[in-house]
Amino acid sequence: MAVFGEDVRSRVRPDTLTTWAEAQPVLQPMSAQVVAAVLATFWLFSMVTWAIWAVVKSLVARGAVGFVTTHDLALTLMGEDMKPQAANFHFEDHLENGELRFDYRLAPDIAKTSNALKLMRSIGLEV
């Protein structure tokens, strides 16, 4: 408090702090844990996405050639961001006798369908 001077010290009211400290928490402990876990997960995924993006940009800047495969739609933005050095492609898929089949032919742009939902429905899950 000495760093901030007397002005700050004169505004601290111990009775208000005590009342706040003794009050019931706004979030119940379990709710706070769930919220913290969800936020931490989103943060982790965004950091991983950022790191992958940074590595790929660095490799492309050094003249690297290759493929990046992903199910993360955020990473497909690299194809737009890094034109003409990068582009998005995908394989077409379809269900055949309850099995997912790919054509293994590169088609331009990102996939327009989600095979995860097809797979879940094929094993009887209602989604």
Protein backbone atom coordinates (compact mmCIF):
# COMPACT_ATOMS: atom_id res chain seq x y z
CA MET A 1 0.00 0.00 0.00
CA ALA A 2 2.89 2.36 0.62
CA VAL A 3 3.68 2.32 -3.09
CA PHE A 4 0.30 3.82 -3.91
CA GLY A 5 0.38 6.34 -1.06
CA GLU A 6 -2.12 7.47 1.52
CA ASP A 7 -4.85 8.15 -1.05
CA VAL A 8 -5.40 4.43 -1.75
CA ARG A 9 -5.07 3.41 1.90
CA SER A 10 -7.77 5.86 2.96
CA ARG A 11 -10.33 4.25 0.62
CA VAL A 12 -9.97 0.69 1.96
CA ARG A 13 -12.92 -0.21 4.19
CA PRO A 14 -12.22 -3.39 6.20
CA ASP A 15 -15.92 -3.87 7.07
CA THR A 16 -16.83 -4.04 3.33
CA LEU A 17 -14.04 -6.52 2.65
CA THR A 18 -15.14 -8.69 5.57
CA THR A 19 -18.76 -8.70 4.35
CA TRP A 20 -17.65 -9.68 0.85
CA ALA A 21 -15.39 -12.46 2.14
CA GLU A 22 -18.15 -13.96 4.30
CA ALA A 23 -20.85 -13.84 1.59
CA GLN A 24 -22.03 -16.99 -0.20
CA PRO A 25 -20.17 -17.61 -3.47
CA VAL A 26 -22.02 -16.59 -6.62
CA LEU A 27 -20.98 -19.80 -8.41
CA GLN A 28 -21.30 -23.08 -6.58
CA PRO A 29 -17.97 -24.93 -6.33
CA MET A 30 -18.98 -27.57 -8.90
CA SER A 31 -20.26 -24.95 -11.36
CA ALA A 32 -17.03 -23.01 -11.04
CA GLN A 33 -15.02 -26.18 -11.68
CA VAL A 34 -17.02 -27.02 -14.81
CA VAL A 35 -16.76 -23.47 -16.14
CA ALA A 36 -13.01 -23.41 -15.43
CA ALA A 37 -12.51 -26.79 -17.15
CA VAL A 38 -14.44 -25.70 -20.26
CA LEU A 39 -12.57 -22.39 -20.49
CA ALA A 40 -9.24 -24.14 -19.98
CA THR A 41 -10.08 -26.64 -22.73
CA PHE A 42 -10.99 -23.87 -25.18
CA TRP A 43 -7.81 -22.02 -24.28
CA LEU A 44 -5.71 -25.15 -24.78
CA PHE A 45 -7.25 -25.89 -28.19
CA SER A 46 -6.73 -22.29 -29.31
CA MET A 47 -3.07 -22.42 -28.23
CA VAL A 48 -2.53 -25.71 -30.07
CA THR A 49 -4.19 -24.30 -33.20
CA TRP A 50 -2.05 -21.15 -32.98
CA ALA A 51 1.13 -23.21 -32.52
CA ILE A 52 0.37 -25.46 -35.50
CA TRP A 53 -0.43 -22.41 -37.64
CA ALA A 54 2.87 -20.75 -36.61
CA VAL A 55 4.90 -23.88 -37.40
CA VAL A 56 3.27 -24.31 -40.82
CA LYS A 57 3.76 -20.63 -41.72
CA SER A 58 7.41 -20.88 -40.70
CA LEU A 59 7.95 -24.01 -42.79
CA VAL A 60 6.25 -22.48 -45.84
CA ALA A 61 8.36 -19.31 -45.46
CA ARG A 62 11.45 -21.55 -45.66
CA GLY A 63 10.23 -23.19 -48.87
CA ALA A 64 8.89 -26.43 -47.39
CA VAL A 65 6.44 -28.52 -49.40
CA GLY A 66 4.02 -30.99 -47.85
CA PHE A 67 0.55 -31.85 -46.60
CA VAL A 68 -1.22 -30.96 -43.37
CA THR A 69 -4.21 -33.10 -42.46
CA THR A 70 -6.73 -31.98 -39.88
CA HIS A 71 -10.28 -32.21 -38.62
CA ASP A 72 -9.90 -28.77 -37.01
CA LEU A 73 -11.87 -26.33 -39.14
CA ALA A 74 -9.95 -23.39 -37.66
CA LEU A 75 -6.80 -24.70 -39.35
CA THR A 76 -8.52 -24.72 -42.74
CA LEU A 77 -8.30 -20.92 -42.61
CA MET A 78 -4.59 -21.35 -43.40
CA GLY A 79 -5.55 -22.22 -46.96
CA GLU A 80 -7.09 -18.78 -47.35
CA ASP A 81 -4.52 -16.90 -45.30
CA MET A 82 -1.47 -18.34 -47.04
CA LYS A 83 -2.57 -18.24 -50.69
CA PRO A 84 -0.98 -19.00 -53.14
CA GLN A 85 1.46 -21.14 -51.09
CA ALA A 86 -1.35 -23.14 -49.45
CA ALA A 87 -4.75 -24.46 -50.45
CA ASN A 88 -7.47 -26.64 -48.95
CA PHE A 89 -8.39 -30.03 -50.38
CA HIS A 90 -10.46 -32.95 -49.12
CA PHE A 91 -11.56 -36.49 -49.93
CA GLU A 92 -15.22 -37.22 -50.68
CA ASP A 93 -16.84 -39.89 -48.52
CA HIS A 94 -20.05 -41.90 -48.44
CA LEU A 95 -21.62 -44.71 -46.44
CA GLU A 96 -21.77 -48.07 -48.18
CA ASN A 97 -23.39 -51.00 -46.35
CA GLY A 98 -22.87 -49.23 -43.03
CA GLU A 99 -19.17 -48.56 -43.71
CA LEU A 100 -17.57 -45.22 -44.45
CA ARG A 101 -15.82 -45.22 -47.83
CA PHE A 102 -13.50 -42.58 -49.27
CA ASP A 103 -12.80 -41.93 -52.93
CA TYR A 104 -9.16 -40.90 -52.24
CA ARG A 105 -9.29 -38.21 -54.93
CA LEU A 106 -8.29 -34.72 -53.90
CA ALA A 107 -11.20 -32.31 -54.31
CA PRO A 108 -10.68 -28.54 -53.92
CA ASP A 109 -11.82 -26.61 -50.81
CA ILE A 110 -12.80 -27.95 -47.38
CA ALA A 111 -15.23 -30.85 -46.94
CA LYS A 112 -18.87 -29.80 -47.06
CA THR A 113 -20.16 -32.74 -45.02
CA SER A 114 -19.39 -34.22 -41.62
CA ASN A 115 -18.68 -37.93 -41.69
CA ALA A 116 -18.80 -38.10 -37.88
CA LEU A 117 -22.59 -37.70 -37.92
CA LYS A 118 -22.90 -40.33 -40.67
CA LEU A 119 -20.85 -42.76 -38.61
CA MET A 120 -22.88 -42.19 -35.46
CA ARG A 121 -26.15 -42.72 -37.32
CA SER A 122 -24.77 -45.86 -39.00
CA ILE A 123 -24.31 -47.52 -35.59
CA GLY A 124 -27.77 -46.52 -34.40
CA LEU A 125 -27.10 -43.36 -32.42
CA GLU A 126 -29.84 -40.76 -32.70
CA VAL A 127 -28.10 -37.49 -33.55
